[in-house]
């Protein structure tokens, strides 16, 4: 029996940051993973605004419509190795937390939680109010990983793309990948000697 490729779902919601999803898809293609993409309506609008009308999300094995509730990723019997929603809007995060899922995006996330598969949410909002924080706590208690795309300035990024790739790579590590794009503290860089 041949070993199955790692299979990852990438979701894009309407928050700012479609570039994170594109970086995830590109890096996953380089790692030989099978990717399944679902984009919300607001995600499409935001991506077009940020990246232009002809924006390409990146290579994906399969792309599904937001209302395609019969898609394989809507079922727990379809084996995947996890999901990243990048970016994840507060609305999407809140819908997943309630378990009342109305689209394929949130249903696929709910499936990951119920099947005990990794679900990484790159939540894009600032500042957070108490309701946001409570929702994130609830999701963490349910097994989700909350990973806002915060820049790793110690990696000395030279471009916005450097920041995006590092954040995406760190999320992929949470799914068990070892992307070459990650700059590691204590390996690729380290603290400056203290003269004091």
N, C-alpha and C. Protein backbone atom coordinates (compact mmCIF):
# COMPACT_ATOMS: atom_id res chain seq x y z
N UNK A 1 0.84 -1.18 0.00
CA UNK A 1 0.00 0.00 0.00
C UNK A 1 0.89 1.25 0.00
N UNK A 2 0.62 2.17 -0.92
CA UNK A 2 1.43 3.39 -1.00
C UNK A 2 1.00 4.37 0.08
N UNK A 3 1.97 5.13 0.54
CA UNK A 3 1.67 6.12 1.58
C UNK A 3 0.98 7.31 0.96
N UNK A 4 -0.09 7.78 1.60
CA UNK A 4 -0.86 8.91 1.12
C UNK A 4 -0.10 10.21 1.39
N UNK A 5 -0.18 11.14 0.42
CA UNK A 5 0.39 12.47 0.65
C UNK A 5 -0.35 13.13 1.80
N UNK A 6 0.34 14.04 2.49
CA UNK A 6 -0.36 14.82 3.50
C UNK A 6 -1.41 15.67 2.79
N UNK A 7 -2.58 15.75 3.37
CA UNK A 7 -3.72 16.43 2.76
C UNK A 7 -4.17 17.55 3.68
N UNK A 8 -4.06 18.80 3.21
CA UNK A 8 -4.34 19.97 4.03
C UNK A 8 -5.43 20.82 3.39
N UNK A 9 -6.35 21.30 4.21
CA UNK A 9 -7.39 22.22 3.75
C UNK A 9 -6.92 23.64 4.06
N UNK A 10 -7.03 24.51 3.07
CA UNK A 10 -6.76 25.94 3.26
C UNK A 10 -8.08 26.68 3.08
N UNK A 11 -8.45 27.45 4.08
CA UNK A 11 -9.65 28.28 4.01
C UNK A 11 -9.26 29.74 3.99
N UNK A 12 -10.01 30.53 3.26
CA UNK A 12 -9.78 31.97 3.19
C UNK A 12 -11.09 32.66 3.52
N UNK A 13 -11.08 33.49 4.56
CA UNK A 13 -12.29 34.25 4.90
C UNK A 13 -12.05 35.72 4.55
N UNK A 14 -12.96 36.58 4.95
CA UNK A 14 -12.96 37.95 4.47
C UNK A 14 -12.05 38.93 5.18
N UNK A 15 -11.24 38.49 6.10
CA UNK A 15 -10.31 39.41 6.76
C UNK A 15 -9.17 39.78 5.81
N UNK A 16 -8.42 40.78 6.18
CA UNK A 16 -7.28 41.19 5.37
C UNK A 16 -6.17 40.15 5.47
N UNK A 17 -5.52 39.85 4.33
CA UNK A 17 -4.37 38.96 4.38
C UNK A 17 -4.43 37.73 3.49
N UNK A 18 -5.02 37.83 2.31
CA UNK A 18 -5.06 36.69 1.39
C UNK A 18 -3.66 36.23 1.00
N UNK A 19 -2.68 37.11 1.14
CA UNK A 19 -1.29 36.74 0.81
C UNK A 19 -0.81 35.59 1.69
N UNK A 20 -1.33 35.48 2.90
CA UNK A 20 -0.93 34.36 3.78
C UNK A 20 -1.38 33.03 3.16
N UNK A 21 -2.60 32.99 2.64
CA UNK A 21 -3.11 31.77 2.02
C UNK A 21 -2.29 31.41 0.79
N UNK A 22 -1.96 32.40 -0.01
CA UNK A 22 -1.16 32.12 -1.20
C UNK A 22 0.20 31.53 -0.81
N UNK A 23 0.82 32.10 0.22
CA UNK A 23 2.11 31.58 0.68
C UNK A 23 1.97 30.15 1.20
N UNK A 24 0.90 29.88 1.94
CA UNK A 24 0.67 28.53 2.44
C UNK A 24 0.54 27.53 1.28
N UNK A 25 -0.24 27.89 0.27
CA UNK A 25 -0.44 27.00 -0.87
C UNK A 25 0.86 26.77 -1.63
N UNK A 26 1.65 27.82 -1.81
CA UNK A 26 2.92 27.68 -2.52
C UNK A 26 3.89 26.79 -1.73
N UNK A 27 3.97 27.03 -0.42
CA UNK A 27 4.89 26.23 0.39
C UNK A 27 4.43 24.78 0.47
N UNK A 28 3.14 24.55 0.59
CA UNK A 28 2.63 23.18 0.64
C UNK A 28 2.88 22.44 -0.67
N UNK A 29 2.78 23.16 -1.79
CA UNK A 29 3.09 22.53 -3.09
C UNK A 29 4.55 22.11 -3.12
N UNK A 30 5.42 22.96 -2.60
CA UNK A 30 6.84 22.63 -2.54
C UNK A 30 7.15 21.47 -1.61
N UNK A 31 6.29 21.25 -0.63
CA UNK A 31 6.47 20.16 0.32
C UNK A 31 5.77 18.88 -0.13
N UNK A 32 5.13 18.93 -1.29
CA UNK A 32 4.49 17.74 -1.84
C UNK A 32 3.14 17.39 -1.24
N UNK A 33 2.50 18.35 -0.59
CA UNK A 33 1.21 18.09 0.04
C UNK A 33 0.07 18.25 -0.96
N UNK A 34 -1.03 17.59 -0.67
CA UNK A 34 -2.27 17.74 -1.44
C UNK A 34 -3.11 18.81 -0.74
N UNK A 35 -3.53 19.83 -1.48
CA UNK A 35 -4.26 20.93 -0.85
C UNK A 35 -5.67 21.04 -1.40
N UNK A 36 -6.57 21.41 -0.49
CA UNK A 36 -7.99 21.60 -0.81
C UNK A 36 -8.36 23.01 -0.34
N UNK A 37 -8.89 23.81 -1.25
CA UNK A 37 -9.11 25.24 -1.00
C UNK A 37 -10.59 25.57 -1.00
N UNK A 38 -10.99 26.38 -0.01
CA UNK A 38 -12.35 26.93 0.01
C UNK A 38 -12.24 28.39 0.44
N UNK A 39 -12.94 29.27 -0.30
CA UNK A 39 -12.85 30.71 -0.09
C UNK A 39 -14.26 31.27 0.10
N UNK A 40 -14.43 32.08 1.14
CA UNK A 40 -15.73 32.70 1.37
C UNK A 40 -15.96 33.82 0.35
N UNK A 41 -17.20 34.27 0.24
CA UNK A 41 -17.50 35.38 -0.67
C UNK A 41 -16.72 36.63 -0.27
N UNK A 42 -16.73 36.92 1.02
CA UNK A 42 -15.99 38.10 1.51
C UNK A 42 -14.49 37.91 1.29
N UNK A 43 -14.01 36.66 1.38
CA UNK A 43 -12.60 36.38 1.11
C UNK A 43 -12.23 36.71 -0.31
N UNK A 44 -13.10 36.37 -1.26
CA UNK A 44 -12.84 36.69 -2.67
C UNK A 44 -12.81 38.20 -2.88
N UNK A 45 -13.75 38.92 -2.27
CA UNK A 45 -13.80 40.38 -2.42
C UNK A 45 -12.55 41.04 -1.84
N UNK A 46 -12.16 40.61 -0.65
CA UNK A 46 -11.00 41.20 0.00
C UNK A 46 -9.72 40.89 -0.78
N UNK A 47 -9.58 39.66 -1.25
CA UNK A 47 -8.39 39.29 -2.03
C UNK A 47 -8.30 40.12 -3.30
N UNK A 48 -9.43 40.32 -3.98
CA UNK A 48 -9.43 41.12 -5.21
C UNK A 48 -9.03 42.56 -4.90
N UNK A 49 -9.50 43.08 -3.77
CA UNK A 49 -9.16 44.45 -3.39
C UNK A 49 -7.68 44.57 -3.06
N UNK A 50 -7.15 43.63 -2.29
CA UNK A 50 -5.76 43.70 -1.84
C UNK A 50 -4.75 43.33 -2.93
N UNK A 51 -5.10 42.33 -3.74
CA UNK A 51 -4.12 41.76 -4.66
C UNK A 51 -4.45 41.99 -6.13
N UNK A 52 -5.61 42.58 -6.43
CA UNK A 52 -6.00 42.80 -7.81
C UNK A 52 -7.00 41.76 -8.28
N UNK A 53 -7.79 42.11 -9.30
CA UNK A 53 -8.85 41.23 -9.79
C UNK A 53 -8.34 39.88 -10.28
N UNK A 54 -7.14 39.84 -10.86
CA UNK A 54 -6.62 38.59 -11.40
C UNK A 54 -5.83 37.76 -10.39
N UNK A 55 -5.99 38.07 -9.10
CA UNK A 55 -5.22 37.40 -8.05
C UNK A 55 -5.38 35.88 -8.12
N UNK A 56 -4.25 35.18 -8.09
CA UNK A 56 -4.24 33.72 -8.08
C UNK A 56 -3.89 33.25 -6.67
N UNK A 57 -4.74 32.39 -6.11
CA UNK A 57 -4.52 31.93 -4.75
C UNK A 57 -3.29 31.04 -4.63
N UNK A 58 -2.96 30.35 -5.67
CA UNK A 58 -1.84 29.42 -5.63
C UNK A 58 -2.31 28.03 -6.02
N UNK A 59 -1.37 27.10 -6.15
CA UNK A 59 -1.73 25.76 -6.60
C UNK A 59 -2.56 25.01 -5.56
N UNK A 60 -3.65 24.41 -6.01
CA UNK A 60 -4.48 23.59 -5.13
C UNK A 60 -4.95 22.37 -5.89
N UNK A 61 -4.99 21.23 -5.20
CA UNK A 61 -5.48 19.99 -5.81
C UNK A 61 -6.95 20.12 -6.17
N UNK A 62 -7.72 20.76 -5.29
CA UNK A 62 -9.16 20.94 -5.53
C UNK A 62 -9.61 22.25 -4.90
N UNK A 63 -10.52 22.94 -5.56
CA UNK A 63 -11.11 24.17 -5.05
C UNK A 63 -12.62 23.99 -5.03
N UNK A 64 -13.25 24.39 -3.93
CA UNK A 64 -14.68 24.17 -3.74
C UNK A 64 -15.42 25.49 -3.57
N UNK A 65 -16.68 25.49 -4.01
CA UNK A 65 -17.54 26.65 -3.78
C UNK A 65 -17.94 26.72 -2.32
N UNK A 66 -18.19 27.91 -1.85
CA UNK A 66 -18.49 28.14 -0.44
C UNK A 66 -19.76 27.42 0.01
N UNK A 67 -20.69 27.16 -0.92
CA UNK A 67 -21.95 26.49 -0.57
C UNK A 67 -21.97 25.01 -0.95
N UNK A 68 -20.83 24.47 -1.34
CA UNK A 68 -20.76 23.07 -1.78
C UNK A 68 -20.70 22.13 -0.57
N UNK A 69 -21.83 21.97 0.10
CA UNK A 69 -21.86 21.17 1.32
C UNK A 69 -21.68 19.67 1.05
N UNK A 70 -21.71 19.28 -0.22
CA UNK A 70 -21.45 17.89 -0.56
C UNK A 70 -19.99 17.62 -0.88
N UNK A 71 -19.13 18.63 -0.72
CA UNK A 71 -17.70 18.47 -1.01
C UNK A 71 -17.08 17.47 -0.04
N UNK A 72 -16.03 16.78 -0.46
CA UNK A 72 -15.39 15.79 0.42
C UNK A 72 -14.97 16.37 1.78
N UNK A 73 -14.50 17.62 1.80
CA UNK A 73 -13.99 18.19 3.05
C UNK A 73 -15.09 18.47 4.07
N UNK A 74 -16.36 18.28 3.67
CA UNK A 74 -17.48 18.45 4.61
C UNK A 74 -17.74 17.19 5.43
N UNK A 75 -17.01 16.12 5.12
CA UNK A 75 -17.24 14.84 5.81
C UNK A 75 -16.02 14.39 6.60
N UNK A 76 -16.25 13.90 7.78
CA UNK A 76 -15.16 13.38 8.60
C UNK A 76 -14.55 12.11 8.03
N UNK A 77 -15.28 11.41 7.16
CA UNK A 77 -14.72 10.19 6.57
C UNK A 77 -13.67 10.49 5.50
N UNK A 78 -13.62 11.75 5.03
CA UNK A 78 -12.58 12.17 4.10
C UNK A 78 -11.37 12.57 4.94
N UNK A 79 -10.32 11.76 4.89
CA UNK A 79 -9.18 11.97 5.78
C UNK A 79 -8.35 13.16 5.34
N UNK A 80 -8.12 14.05 6.27
CA UNK A 80 -7.20 15.16 6.05
C UNK A 80 -6.24 15.21 7.23
N UNK A 81 -5.19 16.01 7.07
CA UNK A 81 -4.19 16.15 8.14
C UNK A 81 -4.28 17.51 8.82
N UNK A 82 -5.38 18.21 8.59
CA UNK A 82 -5.58 19.48 9.26
C UNK A 82 -6.02 20.57 8.31
N UNK A 83 -6.23 21.74 8.89
CA UNK A 83 -6.76 22.89 8.15
C UNK A 83 -6.17 24.16 8.71
N UNK A 84 -5.90 25.11 7.81
CA UNK A 84 -5.52 26.46 8.21
C UNK A 84 -6.51 27.42 7.57
N UNK A 85 -7.05 28.34 8.36
CA UNK A 85 -7.86 29.42 7.80
C UNK A 85 -7.01 30.67 7.88
N UNK A 86 -6.66 31.17 6.68
CA UNK A 86 -5.72 32.28 6.57
C UNK A 86 -6.15 33.22 5.45
N UNK A 87 -6.59 34.38 5.79
CA UNK A 87 -6.84 34.90 7.13
C UNK A 87 -8.17 34.39 7.68
N UNK A 88 -8.32 34.49 8.98
CA UNK A 88 -9.56 34.09 9.63
C UNK A 88 -10.24 35.33 10.21
N UNK A 89 -11.41 35.64 9.69
CA UNK A 89 -12.16 36.79 10.20
C UNK A 89 -12.79 36.45 11.55
N UNK A 90 -13.18 37.47 12.28
CA UNK A 90 -13.86 37.26 13.55
C UNK A 90 -15.20 36.56 13.32
N UNK A 91 -15.87 36.91 12.22
CA UNK A 91 -17.15 36.24 11.94
C UNK A 91 -16.94 34.74 11.75
N UNK A 92 -15.95 34.36 10.95
CA UNK A 92 -15.67 32.94 10.72
C UNK A 92 -15.28 32.26 12.03
N UNK A 93 -14.40 32.89 12.78
CA UNK A 93 -13.98 32.35 14.08
C UNK A 93 -15.19 32.11 14.99
N UNK A 94 -16.09 33.09 15.04
CA UNK A 94 -17.25 33.00 15.92
C UNK A 94 -18.20 31.90 15.48
N UNK A 95 -18.38 31.75 14.16
CA UNK A 95 -19.26 30.70 13.67
C UNK A 95 -18.72 29.31 14.01
N UNK A 96 -17.40 29.14 13.88
CA UNK A 96 -16.80 27.86 14.23
C UNK A 96 -16.98 27.57 15.72
N UNK A 97 -16.83 28.60 16.54
CA UNK A 97 -16.94 28.42 17.99
C UNK A 97 -18.33 27.97 18.41
N UNK A 98 -19.36 28.41 17.69
CA UNK A 98 -20.72 28.05 18.07
C UNK A 98 -21.11 26.67 17.56
N UNK A 99 -20.41 26.17 16.54
CA UNK A 99 -20.78 24.89 15.95
C UNK A 99 -21.96 24.98 15.01
N UNK A 100 -22.51 26.18 14.82
CA UNK A 100 -23.62 26.39 13.89
C UNK A 100 -23.00 26.87 12.58
N UNK A 101 -22.58 25.93 11.76
CA UNK A 101 -21.83 26.27 10.55
C UNK A 101 -22.76 26.42 9.36
N UNK A 102 -22.59 27.51 8.60
CA UNK A 102 -23.52 27.80 7.51
C UNK A 102 -22.87 27.70 6.13
N UNK A 103 -21.56 27.48 6.07
CA UNK A 103 -20.87 27.39 4.79
C UNK A 103 -19.90 26.21 4.81
N UNK A 104 -19.38 25.88 3.65
CA UNK A 104 -18.39 24.80 3.58
C UNK A 104 -17.14 25.16 4.38
N UNK A 105 -16.77 26.42 4.39
CA UNK A 105 -15.57 26.85 5.12
C UNK A 105 -15.68 26.49 6.60
N UNK A 106 -16.77 26.90 7.21
CA UNK A 106 -16.91 26.65 8.65
C UNK A 106 -17.27 25.19 8.94
N UNK A 107 -17.95 24.52 8.00
CA UNK A 107 -18.23 23.10 8.19
C UNK A 107 -16.93 22.29 8.17
N UNK A 108 -16.03 22.60 7.23
CA UNK A 108 -14.75 21.89 7.16
C UNK A 108 -13.95 22.09 8.45
N UNK A 109 -14.01 23.31 8.99
CA UNK A 109 -13.31 23.58 10.26
C UNK A 109 -13.94 22.78 11.39
N UNK A 110 -15.26 22.72 11.42
CA UNK A 110 -15.96 21.96 12.44
C UNK A 110 -15.61 20.48 12.35
N UNK A 111 -15.48 19.96 11.12
CA UNK A 111 -15.09 18.56 10.93
C UNK A 111 -13.71 18.31 11.53
N UNK A 112 -12.78 19.24 11.29
CA UNK A 112 -11.43 19.07 11.87
C UNK A 112 -11.50 18.98 13.39
N UNK A 113 -12.30 19.84 14.00
CA UNK A 113 -12.42 19.80 15.46
C UNK A 113 -13.04 18.50 15.94
N UNK A 114 -14.13 18.08 15.30
CA UNK A 114 -14.81 16.87 15.79
C UNK A 114 -13.98 15.61 15.56
N UNK A 115 -13.15 15.62 14.52
CA UNK A 115 -12.29 14.47 14.22
C UNK A 115 -10.93 14.56 14.92
N UNK A 116 -10.74 15.61 15.74
CA UNK A 116 -9.50 15.83 16.49
C UNK A 116 -8.29 16.01 15.56
N UNK A 117 -8.53 16.76 14.48
CA UNK A 117 -7.45 17.10 13.56
C UNK A 117 -7.05 18.55 13.81
N UNK A 118 -5.80 18.90 13.53
CA UNK A 118 -5.36 20.27 13.79
C UNK A 118 -6.17 21.30 12.99
N UNK A 119 -6.59 22.34 13.67
CA UNK A 119 -7.25 23.49 13.04
C UNK A 119 -6.50 24.74 13.49
N UNK A 120 -5.87 25.42 12.53
CA UNK A 120 -5.09 26.62 12.82
C UNK A 120 -5.84 27.82 12.28
N UNK A 121 -6.09 28.79 13.15
CA UNK A 121 -6.82 29.99 12.77
C UNK A 121 -5.89 31.20 12.82
N UNK A 122 -5.58 31.75 11.65
CA UNK A 122 -4.76 32.97 11.59
C UNK A 122 -5.71 34.16 11.71
N UNK A 123 -6.13 34.43 12.94
CA UNK A 123 -7.14 35.46 13.21
C UNK A 123 -6.57 36.84 12.91
N UNK A 124 -7.30 37.58 12.08
CA UNK A 124 -6.88 38.91 11.67
C UNK A 124 -7.87 39.95 12.20
N UNK A 125 -7.54 40.52 13.32
CA UNK A 125 -8.34 41.59 13.91
C UNK A 125 -7.47 42.26 14.96
N UNK A 126 -7.64 43.54 15.13
CA UNK A 126 -6.97 44.24 16.22
C UNK A 126 -7.62 45.60 16.41
N UNK A 127 -7.77 46.04 17.64
CA UNK A 127 -7.53 45.29 18.88
C UNK A 127 -8.68 44.30 19.11
N UNK A 128 -8.45 43.37 20.03
CA UNK A 128 -9.49 42.41 20.41
C UNK A 128 -10.31 42.97 21.56
N UNK A 129 -11.63 42.80 21.50
CA UNK A 129 -12.43 43.13 22.68
C UNK A 129 -12.68 41.83 23.46
N UNK A 130 -13.32 41.94 24.59
CA UNK A 130 -13.48 40.79 25.48
C UNK A 130 -14.21 39.64 24.81
N UNK A 131 -15.20 39.95 23.97
CA UNK A 131 -15.93 38.90 23.27
C UNK A 131 -15.03 38.10 22.34
N UNK A 132 -14.13 38.80 21.63
CA UNK A 132 -13.17 38.10 20.76
C UNK A 132 -12.29 37.17 21.59
N UNK A 133 -11.78 37.68 22.69
CA UNK A 133 -10.88 36.89 23.53
C UNK A 133 -11.58 35.67 24.12
N UNK A 134 -12.84 35.85 24.52
CA UNK A 134 -13.60 34.72 25.06
C UNK A 134 -13.85 33.67 23.98
N UNK A 135 -14.12 34.14 22.76
CA UNK A 135 -14.34 33.20 21.65
C UNK A 135 -13.06 32.43 21.36
N UNK A 136 -11.92 33.11 21.38
CA UNK A 136 -10.65 32.43 21.15
C UNK A 136 -10.36 31.42 22.25
N UNK A 137 -10.69 31.77 23.49
CA UNK A 137 -10.52 30.83 24.60
C UNK A 137 -11.38 29.60 24.39
N UNK A 138 -12.63 29.82 24.00
CA UNK A 138 -13.54 28.70 23.75
C UNK A 138 -12.99 27.80 22.66
N UNK A 139 -12.49 28.38 21.57
CA UNK A 139 -11.93 27.59 20.47
C UNK A 139 -10.68 26.83 20.91
N UNK A 140 -9.84 27.48 21.71
CA UNK A 140 -8.64 26.79 22.21
C UNK A 140 -9.04 25.60 23.08
N UNK A 141 -10.07 25.78 23.88
CA UNK A 141 -10.56 24.68 24.71
C UNK A 141 -11.13 23.54 23.86
N UNK A 142 -11.64 23.88 22.67
CA UNK A 142 -12.19 22.88 21.75
C UNK A 142 -11.10 22.19 20.94
N UNK A 143 -9.87 22.71 21.00
CA UNK A 143 -8.76 22.08 20.30
C UNK A 143 -8.16 22.88 19.16
N UNK A 144 -8.73 24.04 18.85
CA UNK A 144 -8.18 24.88 17.78
C UNK A 144 -6.89 25.54 18.24
N UNK A 145 -6.05 25.89 17.28
CA UNK A 145 -4.82 26.63 17.54
C UNK A 145 -5.02 28.04 17.01
N UNK A 146 -4.92 29.03 17.88
CA UNK A 146 -5.09 30.43 17.49
C UNK A 146 -3.71 30.98 17.18
N UNK A 147 -3.48 31.37 15.94
CA UNK A 147 -2.15 31.81 15.50
C UNK A 147 -2.25 33.09 14.68
N UNK A 148 -2.50 34.24 15.34
CA UNK A 148 -2.53 35.49 14.59
C UNK A 148 -1.21 35.69 13.84
N UNK A 149 -1.25 36.19 12.62
CA UNK A 149 -0.02 36.35 11.85
C UNK A 149 0.78 37.57 12.31
N UNK A 150 1.49 37.41 13.40
CA UNK A 150 2.30 38.50 13.96
C UNK A 150 3.71 38.40 13.40
N UNK A 151 4.29 39.52 13.00
CA UNK A 151 5.62 39.46 12.37
C UNK A 151 6.71 39.05 13.35
N UNK A 152 7.60 38.18 12.88
CA UNK A 152 8.77 37.77 13.66
C UNK A 152 9.91 38.70 13.26
N UNK A 153 10.01 39.81 13.93
CA UNK A 153 11.00 40.82 13.54
C UNK A 153 12.43 40.37 13.81
N UNK A 154 12.61 39.41 14.72
CA UNK A 154 13.95 38.87 14.96
C UNK A 154 14.52 38.18 13.72
N UNK A 155 13.63 37.79 12.78
CA UNK A 155 14.08 37.13 11.55
C UNK A 155 14.62 38.13 10.53
N UNK A 156 14.63 39.40 10.91
CA UNK A 156 15.15 40.48 10.07
C UNK A 156 14.55 40.47 8.67
N UNK A 157 13.21 40.54 8.57
CA UNK A 157 12.58 40.55 7.25
C UNK A 157 12.96 41.81 6.48
N UNK A 158 13.15 41.64 5.17
CA UNK A 158 13.50 42.77 4.31
C UNK A 158 12.30 43.26 3.51
N UNK A 159 11.29 42.39 3.35
CA UNK A 159 10.10 42.73 2.57
C UNK A 159 8.85 42.23 3.29
N UNK A 160 7.71 42.72 2.84
CA UNK A 160 6.45 42.22 3.37
C UNK A 160 6.33 40.72 3.07
N UNK A 161 6.79 40.31 1.90
CA UNK A 161 6.74 38.88 1.53
C UNK A 161 7.53 38.02 2.51
N UNK A 162 8.67 38.54 3.00
CA UNK A 162 9.44 37.82 4.02
C UNK A 162 8.60 37.58 5.27
N UNK A 163 7.87 38.61 5.69
CA UNK A 163 7.02 38.50 6.88
C UNK A 163 5.92 37.47 6.65
N UNK A 164 5.28 37.54 5.48
CA UNK A 164 4.19 36.63 5.15
C UNK A 164 4.69 35.18 5.12
N UNK A 165 5.82 34.94 4.46
CA UNK A 165 6.34 33.58 4.33
C UNK A 165 6.72 32.99 5.70
N UNK A 166 7.32 33.79 6.55
CA UNK A 166 7.70 33.31 7.88
C UNK A 166 6.45 32.94 8.70
N UNK A 167 5.43 33.80 8.66
CA UNK A 167 4.20 33.51 9.40
C UNK A 167 3.52 32.25 8.87
N UNK A 168 3.47 32.11 7.55
CA UNK A 168 2.86 30.93 6.94
C UNK A 168 3.66 29.67 7.30
N UNK A 169 4.97 29.76 7.24
CA UNK A 169 5.82 28.61 7.55
C UNK A 169 5.63 28.16 9.00
N UNK A 170 5.50 29.11 9.91
CA UNK A 170 5.29 28.75 11.32
C UNK A 170 3.97 28.01 11.50
N UNK A 171 2.94 28.40 10.73
CA UNK A 171 1.66 27.68 10.79
C UNK A 171 1.81 26.26 10.26
N UNK A 172 2.61 26.11 9.21
CA UNK A 172 2.81 24.77 8.65
C UNK A 172 3.54 23.86 9.64
N UNK A 173 4.41 24.44 10.45
CA UNK A 173 5.07 23.64 11.48
C UNK A 173 4.06 23.08 12.47
N UNK A 174 3.00 23.84 12.73
CA UNK A 174 1.95 23.37 13.64
C UNK A 174 1.21 22.16 13.08
N UNK A 175 1.34 21.94 11.76
CA UNK A 175 0.71 20.78 11.11
C UNK A 175 1.71 19.66 10.86
N UNK A 176 2.92 19.81 11.39
CA UNK A 176 3.91 18.74 11.28
C UNK A 176 4.85 18.84 10.10
N UNK A 177 4.83 19.96 9.39
CA UNK A 177 5.75 20.15 8.27
C UNK A 177 7.04 20.81 8.74
N UNK A 178 8.07 20.72 7.93
CA UNK A 178 9.33 21.41 8.20
C UNK A 178 9.69 22.27 7.00
N UNK A 179 9.03 23.41 6.86
CA UNK A 179 9.29 24.27 5.70
C UNK A 179 10.67 24.93 5.79
N UNK A 180 11.32 25.03 4.66
CA UNK A 180 12.66 25.63 4.63
C UNK A 180 12.62 27.14 4.85
N UNK A 181 11.44 27.74 4.70
CA UNK A 181 11.32 29.19 4.83
C UNK A 181 11.45 29.69 6.26
N UNK A 182 11.28 28.79 7.23
CA UNK A 182 11.32 29.21 8.63
C UNK A 182 12.73 29.59 9.05
N UNK A 183 12.86 30.77 9.63
CA UNK A 183 14.12 31.16 10.25
C UNK A 183 13.97 30.89 11.74
N UNK A 184 14.91 30.13 12.29
CA UNK A 184 14.77 29.65 13.67
C UNK A 184 15.74 30.35 14.62
N UNK A 185 15.17 30.78 15.72
CA UNK A 185 15.96 31.40 16.78
C UNK A 185 16.90 30.35 17.37
N UNK A 186 18.15 30.69 17.52
CA UNK A 186 19.12 29.76 18.08
C UNK A 186 19.73 28.83 17.04
N UNK A 187 19.21 28.88 15.81
CA UNK A 187 19.77 28.08 14.73
C UNK A 187 20.21 28.98 13.58
N UNK A 188 19.27 29.72 13.00
CA UNK A 188 19.58 30.63 11.90
C UNK A 188 19.99 32.02 12.40
N UNK A 189 19.61 32.31 13.62
CA UNK A 189 19.90 33.62 14.21
C UNK A 189 19.91 33.46 15.72
N UNK A 190 20.41 34.44 16.40
CA UNK A 190 20.47 34.33 17.85
C UNK A 190 20.63 35.69 18.48
N UNK A 191 20.66 35.71 19.79
CA UNK A 191 20.76 36.99 20.50
C UNK A 191 22.13 37.61 20.31
N UNK A 192 22.17 38.94 20.35
CA UNK A 192 23.44 39.68 20.30
C UNK A 192 24.07 39.57 21.67
N UNK A 193 25.37 39.39 21.69
CA UNK A 193 26.08 39.28 22.97
C UNK A 193 25.86 40.54 23.80
N UNK A 194 25.60 40.34 25.08
CA UNK A 194 25.37 41.44 26.00
C UNK A 194 26.70 41.90 26.57
N UNK A 195 27.05 43.16 26.32
CA UNK A 195 28.32 43.70 26.80
C UNK A 195 28.27 44.12 28.27
N UNK A 196 27.09 44.11 28.85
CA UNK A 196 26.94 44.61 30.22
C UNK A 196 27.61 43.67 31.21
